[in-house]
Amino acid sequence: MANPRRPSYAAAGGPAAISLESAQASPAAAVLAQRSAFSYSSFVNFLKKPHAIPILLSAFLLLTWISLRLQASSSAASRFASSRDGERRREEDDRKANLVRFPLGSFSDKRGWLVDPASVALDNGIRGGAVTCASFHVGEIRPRGVRANHRHHTCNETFVIWGAKTKFRLESSEMGDKTYAEVVVAADEVAVAASPSGTAHALINVDPVHTTFFIGCQDSVINYNSSSTDYRVWKDL
């Protein structure tokens, strides 16, 4: 007996299925394209209307404000990083010059400012200064004037410097061929510096107007007529 013919079906995913899916997808794609075209056309028509101008200006201003805020934040971060780098470099220069500085108001009350140089030096790691004062001197340096520029072999010395823009130079083996460290103390700062025995030092007023004031404390009495002090150490001063 002959077998009856069975209807054949395309396998899932075969050509018949793909044709059916394409037929179903084509209307959806057409609808999507029509909607896109309609949206674009509506947007273009909206732009042609007068009331679109304030909205566009508002959007432009908002984007501009956001851009400026981002730029300001980036610039502020850059300035902060640069400031921190500058502060670290200055601290390192001060360390090499064996000096510490403070704003004038750091040691003041309603009567004015007062500082104990020996304590400040010890508290801030200033090395080789005079802890006690066997002798001391108080003086001024007028604009473009120079004090010291000598090397004591028999005493340590601690300085307090204030009043004007002042350069402090200290002989230093850390500086290689340059042989000295050098920093500038601002007119609104007070500095405490130390020069260990056998180390040359100099104070130079580089302020065009103001006078430098300083105190020098030595832990032994110096005979300036003896050979224990070398004079005119730096010929450029």
C-alpha atoms as a PDB file:
ATOM      1  CA  MET A   1       0.000   0.000   0.000  1.00  0.00           C
ATOM      2  CA  ALA A   2       1.442   3.292  -1.013  1.00  0.00           C
ATOM      3  CA  ASN A   3       2.306   5.769   1.741  1.00  0.00           C
ATOM      4  CA  PRO A   4       0.245   8.919   1.646  1.00  0.00           C
ATOM      5  CA  ARG A   5       2.244  12.026   0.811  1.00  0.00           C
ATOM      6  CA  ARG A   6       3.085  14.074   3.866  1.00  0.00           C
ATOM      7  CA  PRO A   7       3.288  17.835   3.752  1.00  0.00           C
ATOM      8  CA  SER A   8       6.861  19.104   4.029  1.00  0.00           C
ATOM      9  CA  TYR A   9       7.868  21.905   6.429  1.00  0.00           C
ATOM     10  CA  ALA A  10      10.950  24.018   6.283  1.00  0.00           C
ATOM     11  CA  ALA A  11      13.392  23.463   9.096  1.00  0.00           C
ATOM     12  CA  ALA A  12      13.545  26.118  11.750  1.00  0.00           C
ATOM     13  CA  GLY A  13      15.730  28.909  10.540  1.00  0.00           C
ATOM     14  CA  GLY A  14      15.525  27.732   6.959  1.00  0.00           C
ATOM     15  CA  PRO A  15      14.698  29.852   3.901  1.00  0.00           C
ATOM     16  CA  ALA A  16      10.981  29.802   4.521  1.00  0.00           C
ATOM     17  CA  ALA A  17      11.412  31.015   8.107  1.00  0.00           C
ATOM     18  CA  ILE A  18      13.783  33.778   7.014  1.00  0.00           C
ATOM     19  CA  SER A  19      11.333  34.938   4.358  1.00  0.00           C
ATOM     20  CA  LEU A  20       8.560  35.049   6.938  1.00  0.00           C
ATOM     21  CA  GLU A  21      10.713  37.036   9.395  1.00  0.00           C
ATOM     22  CA  SER A  22      11.714  39.448   6.640  1.00  0.00           C
ATOM     23  CA  ALA A  23       8.101  39.963   5.720  1.00  0.00           C
ATOM     24  CA  GLN A  24       7.267  40.688   9.339  1.00  0.00           C
ATOM     25  CA  ALA A  25      10.322  42.940   9.882  1.00  0.00           C
ATOM     26  CA  SER A  26       9.844  45.065   6.775  1.00  0.00           C
ATOM     27  CA  PRO A  27       6.683  46.848   8.006  1.00  0.00           C
ATOM     28  CA  ALA A  28       8.360  47.521  11.385  1.00  0.00           C
ATOM     29  CA  ALA A  29      11.434  48.966   9.683  1.00  0.00           C
ATOM     30  CA  ALA A  30       9.242  51.104   7.484  1.00  0.00           C
ATOM     31  CA  VAL A  31       7.347  52.430  10.505  1.00  0.00           C
ATOM     32  CA  LEU A  32      10.633  53.213  12.285  1.00  0.00           C
ATOM     33  CA  ALA A  33      11.954  55.039   9.237  1.00  0.00           C
ATOM     34  CA  GLN A  34       8.734  57.041   8.979  1.00  0.00           C
ATOM     35  CA  ARG A  35       8.945  57.994  12.639  1.00  0.00           C
ATOM     36  CA  SER A  36      12.574  59.067  12.273  1.00  0.00           C
ATOM     37  CA  ALA A  37      11.745  61.162   9.238  1.00  0.00           C
ATOM     38  CA  PHE A  38       8.775  62.678  11.048  1.00  0.00           C
ATOM     39  CA  SER A  39      10.902  63.498  14.128  1.00  0.00           C
ATOM     40  CA  TYR A  40      13.597  65.121  12.007  1.00  0.00           C
ATOM     41  CA  SER A  41      11.003  67.083  10.044  1.00  0.00           C
ATOM     42  CA  SER A  42       9.308  68.205  13.262  1.00  0.00           C
ATOM     43  CA  PHE A  43      12.659  69.323  14.705  1.00  0.00           C
ATOM     44  CA  VAL A  44      13.485  71.304  11.561  1.00  0.00           C
ATOM     45  CA  ASN A  45      10.067  72.955  11.627  1.00  0.00           C
ATOM     46  CA  PHE A  46      10.541  73.762  15.307  1.00  0.00           C
ATOM     47  CA  LEU A  47      13.840  75.490  14.574  1.00  0.00           C
ATOM     48  CA  LYS A  48      12.111  77.705  12.022  1.00  0.00           C
ATOM     49  CA  LYS A  49       9.692  79.061  14.610  1.00  0.00           C
ATOM     50  CA  PRO A  50      10.548  82.276  16.531  1.00  0.00           C
ATOM     51  CA  HIS A  51      10.008  80.783  19.989  1.00  0.00           C
ATOM     52  CA  ALA A  52      12.824  78.267  19.315  1.00  0.00           C
ATOM     53  CA  ILE A  53      15.475  80.998  19.594  1.00  0.00           C
ATOM     54  CA  PRO A  54      15.246  81.540  23.404  1.00  0.00           C
ATOM     55  CA  ILE A  55      15.325  77.790  23.993  1.00  0.00           C
ATOM     56  CA  LEU A  56      18.387  77.361  21.776  1.00  0.00           C
ATOM     57  CA  LEU A  57      20.111  80.291  23.472  1.00  0.00           C
ATOM     58  CA  SER A  58      19.367  78.789  26.882  1.00  0.00           C
ATOM     59  CA  ALA A  59      20.804  75.450  25.788  1.00  0.00           C
ATOM     60  CA  PHE A  60      23.881  77.189  24.393  1.00  0.00           C
ATOM     61  CA  LEU A  61      24.384  79.156  27.614  1.00  0.00           C
ATOM     62  CA  LEU A  62      23.992  76.003  29.692  1.00  0.00           C
ATOM     63  CA  LEU A  63      26.605  74.158  27.642  1.00  0.00           C
ATOM     64  CA  THR A  64      28.926  77.170  27.813  1.00  0.00           C
ATOM     65  CA  TRP A  65      28.535  77.361  31.602  1.00  0.00           C
ATOM     66  CA  ILE A  66      29.279  73.641  31.970  1.00  0.00           C
ATOM     67  CA  SER A  67      32.365  73.998  29.766  1.00  0.00           C
ATOM     68  CA  LEU A  68      33.646  76.997  31.750  1.00  0.00           C
ATOM     69  CA  ARG A  69      33.071  75.201  35.047  1.00  0.00           C
ATOM     70  CA  LEU A  70      35.056  72.209  33.838  1.00  0.00           C
ATOM     71  CA  GLN A  71      37.866  74.474  32.637  1.00  0.00           C
ATOM     72  CA  ALA A  72      37.882  76.383  35.940  1.00  0.00           C
ATOM     73  CA  SER A  73      38.054  73.155  37.934  1.00  0.00           C
ATOM     74  CA  SER A  74      40.928  71.910  35.801  1.00  0.00           C
ATOM     75  CA  SER A  75      42.746  75.250  36.091  1.00  0.00           C
ATOM     76  CA  ALA A  76      42.262  75.368  39.874  1.00  0.00           C
ATOM     77  CA  ALA A  77      43.624  71.843  40.234  1.00  0.00           C
ATOM     78  CA  SER A  78      46.619  72.769  38.084  1.00  0.00           C
ATOM     79  CA  ARG A  79      47.295  75.930  40.124  1.00  0.00           C
ATOM     80  CA  PHE A  80      47.027  73.982  43.373  1.00  0.00           C
ATOM     81  CA  ALA A  81      49.484  71.347  42.136  1.00  0.00           C
ATOM     82  CA  SER A  82      51.871  74.063  40.934  1.00  0.00           C
ATOM     83  CA  SER A  83      51.598  75.876  44.268  1.00  0.00           C
ATOM     84  CA  ARG A  84      52.337  72.690  46.192  1.00  0.00           C
ATOM     85  CA  ASP A  85      55.355  71.986  43.971  1.00  0.00           C
ATOM     86  CA  GLY A  86      56.650  75.521  44.552  1.00  0.00           C
ATOM     87  CA  GLU A  87      56.144  75.199  48.293  1.00  0.00           C
ATOM     88  CA  ARG A  88      58.030  71.895  48.388  1.00  0.00           C
ATOM     89  CA  ARG A  89      60.910  73.386  46.382  1.00  0.00           C
ATOM     90  CA  ARG A  90      61.109  76.360  48.740  1.00  0.00           C
ATOM     91  CA  GLU A  91      61.113  74.089  51.794  1.00  0.00           C
ATOM     92  CA  GLU A  92      63.943  72.066  50.267  1.00  0.00           C
ATOM     93  CA  ASP A  93      65.920  75.246  49.486  1.00  0.00           C
ATOM     94  CA  ASP A  94      65.386  76.466  53.058  1.00  0.00           C
ATOM     95  CA  ARG A  95      66.600  73.131  54.410  1.00  0.00           C
ATOM     96  CA  LYS A  96      69.804  73.379  52.377  1.00  0.00           C
ATOM     97  CA  ALA A  97      70.312  76.945  53.625  1.00  0.00           C
ATOM     98  CA  ASN A  98      69.703  75.762  57.223  1.00  0.00           C
ATOM     99  CA  LEU A  99      66.885  78.278  57.618  1.00  0.00           C
ATOM    100  CA  VAL A 100      63.229  78.327  58.631  1.00  0.00           C
ATOM    101  CA  ARG A 101      60.825  81.190  57.923  1.00  0.00           C
ATOM    102  CA  PHE A 102      57.430  82.292  59.208  1.00  0.00           C
ATOM    103  CA  PRO A 103      54.963  85.087  58.473  1.00  0.00           C
ATOM    104  CA  LEU A 104      55.571  87.947  60.885  1.00  0.00           C
ATOM    105  CA  GLY A 105      52.222  87.361  62.599  1.00  0.00           C
ATOM    106  CA  SER A 106      53.145  83.810  63.618  1.00  0.00           C
ATOM    107  CA  PHE A 107      54.723  84.895  66.910  1.00  0.00           C
ATOM    108  CA  SER A 108      52.616  87.939  67.697  1.00  0.00           C
ATOM    109  CA  ASP A 109      49.933  89.081  70.073  1.00  0.00           C
ATOM    110  CA  LYS A 110      48.417  92.533  70.585  1.00  0.00           C
ATOM    111  CA  ARG A 111      51.835  93.816  71.703  1.00  0.00           C
ATOM    112  CA  GLY A 112      53.655  92.647  68.559  1.00  0.00           C
ATOM    113  CA  TRP A 113      55.867  89.662  67.757  1.00  0.00           C
ATOM    114  CA  LEU A 114      58.440  87.869  69.910  1.00  0.00           C
ATOM    115  CA  VAL A 115      60.600  84.856  69.063  1.00  0.00           C
ATOM    116  CA  ASP A 116      63.096  82.620  70.870  1.00  0.00           C
ATOM    117  CA  PRO A 117      65.596  81.803  68.090  1.00  0.00           C
ATOM    118  CA  ALA A 118      67.298  78.902  69.878  1.00  0.00           C
ATOM    119  CA  SER A 119      63.966  77.147  70.530  1.00  0.00           C
ATOM    120  CA  VAL A 120      62.708  77.801  67.000  1.00  0.00           C
ATOM    121  CA  ALA A 121      65.935  76.395  65.543  1.00  0.00           C
ATOM    122  CA  LEU A 122      65.781  73.250  67.674  1.00  0.00           C
ATOM    123  CA  ASP A 123      62.063  72.691  67.042  1.00  0.00           C
ATOM    124  CA  ASN A 124      62.503  72.964  63.262  1.00  0.00           C
ATOM    125  CA  GLY A 125      65.631  70.875  62.800  1.00  0.00           C
ATOM    126  CA  ILE A 126      68.013  73.771  62.158  1.00  0.00           C
ATOM    127  CA  ARG A 127      71.411  72.179  62.724  1.00  0.00           C
ATOM    128  CA  GLY A 128      74.648  73.526  64.140  1.00  0.00           C
ATOM    129  CA  GLY A 129      73.396  76.826  65.531  1.00  0.00           C
ATOM    130  CA  ALA A 130      74.251  78.458  68.833  1.00  0.00           C
ATOM    131  CA  VAL A 131      72.161  77.053  71.685  1.00  0.00           C
ATOM    132  CA  THR A 132      73.473  79.610  74.173  1.00  0.00           C
ATOM    133  CA  CYS A 133      74.719  83.123  73.449  1.00  0.00           C
ATOM    134  CA  ALA A 134      78.216  83.864  74.722  1.00  0.00           C
ATOM    135  CA  SER A 135      78.104  86.970  72.539  1.00  0.00           C
ATOM    136  CA  PHE A 136      75.543  88.546  70.284  1.00  0.00           C
ATOM    137  CA  HIS A 137      75.116  91.524  68.019  1.00  0.00           C
ATOM    138  CA  VAL A 138      72.131  93.459  66.701  1.00  0.00           C
ATOM    139  CA  GLY A 139      72.307  95.438  63.496  1.00  0.00           C
ATOM    140  CA  GLU A 140      70.758  96.695  60.300  1.00  0.00           C
ATOM    141  CA  ILE A 141      71.568  96.351  56.615  1.00  0.00           C
ATOM    142  CA  ARG A 142      70.488  99.151  54.346  1.00  0.00           C
ATOM    143  CA  PRO A 143      69.362  98.499  50.749  1.00  0.00           C
ATOM    144  CA  ARG A 144      72.089  96.821  48.653  1.00  0.00           C
ATOM    145  CA  GLY A 145      74.245  96.418  51.773  1.00  0.00           C
ATOM    146  CA  VAL A 146      76.060  93.219  52.816  1.00  0.00           C
ATOM    147  CA  ARG A 147      76.925  91.846  56.244  1.00  0.00           C
ATOM    148  CA  ALA A 148      79.185  88.950  57.252  1.00  0.00           C
ATOM    149  CA  ASN A 149      80.617  87.231  54.147  1.00  0.00           C
ATOM    150  CA  HIS A 150      82.978  85.429  56.501  1.00  0.00           C
ATOM    151  CA  ARG A 151      83.618  82.033  58.079  1.00  0.00           C
ATOM    152  CA  HIS A 152      84.079  81.471  61.828  1.00  0.00           C
ATOM    153  CA  HIS A 153      86.176  78.452  62.794  1.00  0.00           C
ATOM    154  CA  THR A 154      85.590  78.569  66.548  1.00  0.00           C
ATOM    155  CA  CYS A 155      81.871  79.221  67.043  1.00  0.00           C
ATOM    156  CA  ASN A 156      78.375  78.343  65.921  1.00  0.00           C
ATOM    157  CA  GLU A 157      76.023  81.206  65.106  1.00  0.00           C
ATOM    158  CA  THR A 158      72.242  81.628  64.955  1.00  0.00           C
ATOM    159  CA  PHE A 159      70.513  84.532  63.195  1.00  0.00           C
ATOM    160  CA  VAL A 160      67.110  86.183  63.311  1.00  0.00           C
ATOM    161  CA  ILE A 161      66.376  88.151  60.110  1.00  0.00           C
ATOM    162  CA  TRP A 162      63.413  90.439  59.351  1.00  0.00           C
ATOM    163  CA  GLY A 163      62.301  93.801  57.979  1.00  0.00           C
ATOM    164  CA  ALA A 164      63.200  93.662  54.270  1.00  0.00           C
ATOM    165  CA  LYS A 165      63.711  91.369  51.316  1.00  0.00           C
ATOM    166  CA  THR A 166      66.966  89.724  52.352  1.00  0.00           C
ATOM    167  CA  LYS A 167      69.178  87.088  50.778  1.00  0.00           C
ATOM    168  CA  PHE A 168      70.813  84.586  53.120  1.00  0.00           C
ATOM    169  CA  ARG A 169      73.781  82.638  51.774  1.00  0.00           C
ATOM    170  CA  LEU A 170      75.311  79.636  53.526  1.00  0.00           C
ATOM    171  CA  GLU A 171      78.265  77.499  52.522  1.00  0.00           C
ATOM    172  CA  SER A 172      77.007  73.980  51.785  1.00  0.00           C
ATOM    173  CA  SER A 173      78.641  70.772  50.603  1.00  0.00           C
ATOM    174  CA  GLU A 174      75.242  69.648  49.236  1.00  0.00           C
ATOM    175  CA  MET A 175      75.406  72.207  46.429  1.00  0.00           C
ATOM    176  CA  GLY A 176      78.364  70.697  44.563  1.00  0.00           C
ATOM    177  CA  ASP A 177      80.320  73.139  42.406  1.00  0.00           C
ATOM    178  CA  LYS A 178      78.147  76.061  43.493  1.00  0.00           C
ATOM    179  CA  THR A 179      79.454  75.539  47.082  1.00  0.00           C
ATOM    180  CA  TYR A 180      76.621  77.460  48.755  1.00  0.00           C
ATOM    181  CA  ALA A 181      72.860  77.491  49.297  1.00  0.00           C
ATOM    182  CA  GLU A 182      70.973  80.752  48.956  1.00  0.00           C
ATOM    183  CA  VAL A 183      67.402  81.800  49.755  1.00  0.00           C
ATOM    184  CA  VAL A 184      65.501  85.084  49.905  1.00  0.00           C
ATOM    185  CA  VAL A 185      63.467  86.035  52.972  1.00  0.00           C
ATOM    186  CA  ALA A 186      60.488  88.270  52.160  1.00  0.00           C
ATOM    187  CA  ALA A 187      59.876  91.604  53.869  1.00  0.00           C
ATOM    188  CA  ASP A 188      56.777  90.221  55.624  1.00  0.00           C
ATOM    189  CA  GLU A 189      58.597  87.176  57.017  1.00  0.00           C
ATOM    190  CA  VAL A 190      60.890  86.493  59.953  1.00  0.00           C
ATOM    191  CA  ALA A 191      63.595  83.875  59.491  1.00  0.00           C
ATOM    192  CA  VAL A 192      65.794  81.929  61.875  1.00  0.00           C
ATOM    193  CA  ALA A 193      69.001  80.585  60.347  1.00  0.00           C
ATOM    194  CA  ALA A 194      72.137  78.907  61.649  1.00  0.00           C
ATOM    195  CA  SER A 195      75.749  78.785  60.521  1.00  0.00           C
ATOM    196  CA  PRO A 196      77.749  75.944  62.096  1.00  0.00           C
ATOM    197  CA  SER A 197      81.400  76.449  62.976  1.00  0.00           C
ATOM    198  CA  GLY A 198      83.598  76.436  59.878  1.00  0.00           C
ATOM    199  CA  THR A 199      80.729  77.419  57.553  1.00  0.00           C
ATOM    200  CA  ALA A 200      80.735  80.717  55.661  1.00  0.00           C
ATOM    201  CA  HIS A 201      77.626  82.897  55.679  1.00  0.00           C
ATOM    202  CA  ALA A 202      76.425  86.246  54.354  1.00  0.00           C
ATOM    203  CA  LEU A 203      73.341  88.471  54.604  1.00  0.00           C
ATOM    204  CA  ILE A 204      72.490  90.722  51.644  1.00  0.00           C
ATOM    205  CA  ASN A 205      69.710  93.308  51.555  1.00  0.00           C
ATOM    206  CA  VAL A 206      68.133  93.019  48.092  1.00  0.00           C
ATOM    207  CA  ASP A 207      65.196  95.286  48.944  1.00  0.00           C
ATOM    208  CA  PRO A 208      65.143  98.617  47.060  1.00  0.00           C
ATOM    209  CA  VAL A 209      63.517 100.495  49.957  1.00  0.00           C
ATOM    210  CA  HIS A 210      63.387  98.725  53.312  1.00  0.00           C
ATOM    211  CA  THR A 211      66.134  98.077  55.843  1.00  0.00           C
ATOM    212  CA  THR A 212      67.016  94.582  57.030  1.00  0.00           C
ATOM    213  CA  PHE A 213      67.293  94.013  60.778  1.00  0.00           C
ATOM    214  CA  PHE A 214      69.083  91.048  62.296  1.00  0.00           C
ATOM    215  CA  ILE A 215      70.356  89.519  65.518  1.00  0.00           C
ATOM    216  CA  GLY A 216      73.392  87.241  65.599  1.00  0.00           C
ATOM    217  CA  CYS A 217      73.938  84.887  68.542  1.00  0.00           C
ATOM    218  CA  GLN A 218      77.348  83.166  68.920  1.00  0.00           C
ATOM    219  CA  ASP A 219      78.169  80.410  71.385  1.00  0.00           C
ATOM    220  CA  SER A 220      81.710  81.695  71.995  1.00  0.00           C
ATOM    221  CA  VAL A 221      83.393  85.068  72.054  1.00  0.00           C
ATOM    222  CA  ILE A 222      84.989  85.930  68.704  1.00  0.00           C
ATOM    223  CA  ASN A 223      88.273  87.773  68.411  1.00  0.00           C
ATOM    224  CA  TYR A 224      87.916  89.357  64.986  1.00  0.00           C
ATOM    225  CA  ASN A 225      91.618  90.241  64.921  1.00  0.00           C
ATOM    226  CA  SER A 226      92.674  86.594  65.133  1.00  0.00           C
ATOM    227  CA  SER A 227      93.032  84.049  62.330  1.00  0.00           C
ATOM    228  CA  SER A 228      89.946  82.107  63.477  1.00  0.00           C
ATOM    229  CA  THR A 229      87.761  83.980  60.954  1.00  0.00           C
ATOM    230  CA  ASP A 230      88.121  84.017  57.149  1.00  0.00           C
ATOM    231  CA  TYR A 231      86.953  87.254  55.493  1.00  0.00           C
ATOM    232  CA  ARG A 232      85.702  88.085  51.976  1.00  0.00           C
ATOM    233  CA  VAL A 233      84.833  84.465  51.280  1.00  0.00           C
ATOM    234  CA  TRP A 234      82.700  85.252  48.202  1.00  0.00           C
ATOM    235  CA  LYS A 235      84.200  87.737  45.785  1.00  0.00           C
ATOM    236  CA  ASP A 236      80.855  88.459  44.090  1.00  0.00           C
ATOM    237  CA  LEU A 237      79.473  90.158  47.222  1.00  0.00           C
END
